[in-house]
Amino acid sequence: MFLNRLPRLSITVIAGLAAVILLSACGSDPSPNADDTAVRVSPATFADLIAKPATFVLNVHTPDEGSIPGTEANIPFDRLRTRVDELPADSSALIAVYCRSGNMSTLATVTLSDLGYTDVIELDGGMEAWRADGRALLPPDQAGRKRG
């Protein structure tokens, strides 16, 4: 009699374990893209937002391959924690972050969120999208120049 129930019991146990595993995995994507730390915006929207004087414009690409006019700081994405003194003191300040293609800036948005920054936008597609939209880039070593 016990042997007759064994296949049915095994299927029930396996189904239960599968359900637990699937439910525990729901919404747990470990990639930076799963973390809604920043809003990705188009080059046109990014341009509108960085034109506002209160926006802090941050290039996180390494090595330096140029920058968007108005960039206030060039801090490599993997050095943000050690160079936090170069970021706005106000954690609610709008930070507009970008890199060459979007990969490094996505990682940077996670770090900025970890550092307590709450208003971060990211240029979708980075400088490549900016240039493809017909917008100019400054040559390397020109970031950090205050807007006049």
Protein backbone atom coordinates (compact mmCIF):
# COMPACT_ATOMS: atom_id res chain seq x y z
CA MET A 1 0.00 0.00 0.00
CA PHE A 2 2.83 2.43 0.85
CA LEU A 3 4.53 1.59 -2.44
CA ASN A 4 1.40 2.60 -4.35
CA ARG A 5 1.46 6.06 -2.75
CA LEU A 6 5.21 6.63 -3.33
CA PRO A 7 4.94 7.93 -6.94
CA ARG A 8 2.05 10.23 -6.02
CA LEU A 9 3.92 11.45 -2.90
CA SER A 10 7.11 12.11 -4.91
CA ILE A 11 5.23 14.15 -7.50
CA THR A 12 3.53 16.16 -4.75
CA VAL A 13 6.83 16.86 -2.99
CA ILE A 14 8.57 17.80 -6.23
CA ALA A 15 5.70 20.09 -7.25
CA GLY A 16 5.74 21.74 -3.83
CA LEU A 17 9.48 22.31 -3.92
CA ALA A 18 9.26 23.72 -7.44
CA ALA A 19 6.54 26.15 -6.33
CA VAL A 20 8.64 27.33 -3.37
CA ILE A 21 11.69 27.88 -5.58
CA LEU A 22 9.71 29.76 -8.22
CA LEU A 23 7.95 31.95 -5.68
CA SER A 24 11.16 32.78 -3.84
CA ALA A 25 12.78 33.83 -7.13
CA CYS A 26 10.00 36.19 -8.15
CA GLY A 27 11.32 39.71 -8.47
CA SER A 28 14.84 38.85 -7.41
CA ASP A 29 16.96 39.77 -10.41
CA PRO A 30 20.52 40.44 -9.23
CA SER A 31 21.45 42.56 -12.24
CA PRO A 32 21.81 46.35 -11.85
CA ASN A 33 18.99 46.85 -14.36
CA ALA A 34 16.56 45.27 -11.93
CA ASP A 35 17.25 48.01 -9.43
CA ASP A 36 15.10 51.02 -10.27
CA THR A 37 17.68 53.54 -9.13
CA ALA A 38 17.45 55.91 -12.07
CA VAL A 39 15.15 56.94 -14.83
CA ARG A 40 16.58 56.41 -18.31
CA VAL A 41 15.85 59.31 -20.62
CA SER A 42 16.34 60.14 -24.29
CA PRO A 43 19.03 62.57 -25.46
CA ALA A 44 16.41 65.30 -25.94
CA THR A 45 15.06 64.92 -22.41
CA PHE A 46 18.59 64.67 -21.01
CA ALA A 47 19.51 67.92 -22.81
CA ASP A 48 16.48 69.69 -21.33
CA LEU A 49 17.31 68.51 -17.83
CA ILE A 50 21.02 69.33 -17.92
CA ALA A 51 20.21 72.85 -19.12
CA LYS A 52 18.77 73.55 -15.66
CA PRO A 53 21.41 75.14 -13.41
CA ALA A 54 20.57 72.92 -10.42
CA THR A 55 21.35 69.69 -12.32
CA PHE A 56 24.70 68.08 -11.55
CA VAL A 57 26.02 66.51 -14.78
CA LEU A 58 28.29 63.50 -14.26
CA ASN A 59 30.33 61.51 -16.80
CA VAL A 60 31.27 58.09 -15.38
CA HIS A 61 32.97 56.61 -18.44
CA THR A 62 36.52 55.35 -18.21
CA PRO A 63 38.80 55.94 -19.97
CA ASP A 64 37.89 59.52 -20.84
CA GLU A 65 36.49 59.56 -24.39
CA GLY A 66 34.97 63.02 -24.28
CA SER A 67 32.03 64.59 -22.53
CA ILE A 68 28.73 66.32 -23.01
CA PRO A 69 28.92 70.13 -22.78
CA GLY A 70 27.99 71.24 -19.27
CA THR A 71 29.53 68.22 -17.56
CA GLU A 72 30.63 69.19 -14.07
CA ALA A 73 32.57 66.08 -13.09
CA ASN A 74 34.24 63.10 -14.69
CA ILE A 75 34.41 60.35 -12.08
CA PRO A 76 34.91 56.75 -13.26
CA PHE A 77 31.92 54.58 -12.35
CA ASP A 78 34.08 52.36 -10.16
CA ARG A 79 35.54 55.29 -8.19
CA LEU A 80 32.33 57.01 -7.06
CA ARG A 81 32.55 55.70 -3.49
CA THR A 82 36.09 56.98 -3.03
CA ARG A 83 35.40 60.34 -4.67
CA VAL A 84 32.03 61.07 -3.05
CA ASP A 85 33.36 64.47 -1.93
CA GLU A 86 33.14 65.57 -5.59
CA LEU A 87 29.39 64.83 -5.70
CA PRO A 88 26.67 67.17 -4.47
CA ALA A 89 26.38 67.38 -0.68
CA ASP A 90 22.58 67.39 -1.03
CA SER A 91 21.48 63.79 -1.63
CA SER A 92 18.21 65.03 -3.17
CA ALA A 93 20.04 67.02 -5.89
CA LEU A 94 19.27 65.99 -9.47
CA ILE A 95 22.22 64.06 -10.89
CA ALA A 96 22.32 63.44 -14.65
CA VAL A 97 24.72 60.56 -15.29
CA TYR A 98 26.08 59.15 -18.53
CA CYS A 99 28.94 57.18 -20.07
CA ARG A 100 29.82 56.12 -23.61
CA SER A 101 27.16 53.47 -24.18
CA GLY A 102 25.11 53.16 -20.99
CA ASN A 103 26.75 50.15 -19.33
CA MET A 104 28.95 52.02 -16.87
CA SER A 105 26.28 54.60 -16.10
CA THR A 106 23.84 51.83 -15.21
CA LEU A 107 26.34 50.52 -12.66
CA ALA A 108 26.94 54.07 -11.43
CA THR A 109 23.23 54.64 -10.77
CA VAL A 110 23.25 51.68 -8.39
CA THR A 111 26.24 53.13 -6.53
CA LEU A 112 24.65 56.58 -6.41
CA SER A 113 21.51 55.06 -4.93
CA ASP A 114 23.61 53.17 -2.37
CA LEU A 115 25.25 56.50 -1.46
CA GLY A 116 21.78 57.94 -0.76
CA TYR A 117 21.11 59.95 -3.91
CA THR A 118 17.41 59.91 -4.69
CA ASP A 119 17.02 61.92 -7.91
CA VAL A 120 19.17 60.35 -10.62
CA ILE A 121 18.57 60.30 -14.36
CA GLU A 122 20.59 58.30 -16.86
CA LEU A 123 21.16 59.05 -20.54
CA ASP A 124 19.78 56.00 -22.34
CA GLY A 125 22.45 54.85 -24.79
CA GLY A 126 25.08 57.23 -23.43
CA MET A 127 27.28 59.45 -25.56
CA GLU A 128 26.70 57.17 -28.53
CA ALA A 129 22.98 58.01 -28.45
CA TRP A 130 23.78 61.69 -27.80
CA ARG A 131 26.01 61.83 -30.89
CA ALA A 132 23.51 59.82 -32.99
CA ASP A 133 20.92 62.46 -32.09
CA GLY A 134 23.16 65.07 -33.75
CA ARG A 135 24.52 66.56 -30.54
CA ALA A 136 28.11 67.68 -29.97
CA LEU A 137 30.66 66.21 -27.58
CA LEU A 138 33.66 67.92 -26.06
CA PRO A 139 37.07 66.28 -26.53
CA PRO A 140 38.65 64.28 -23.68
CA ASP A 141 39.90 66.20 -20.62
CA GLN A 142 37.24 68.90 -20.94
CA ALA A 143 34.84 67.64 -18.22
CA GLY A 144 34.61 69.51 -14.98
CA ARG A 145 34.40 72.90 -16.61
CA LYS A 146 31.66 74.90 -14.94
CA ARG A 147 28.91 76.16 -17.15
CA GLY A 148 29.13 79.89 -17.80
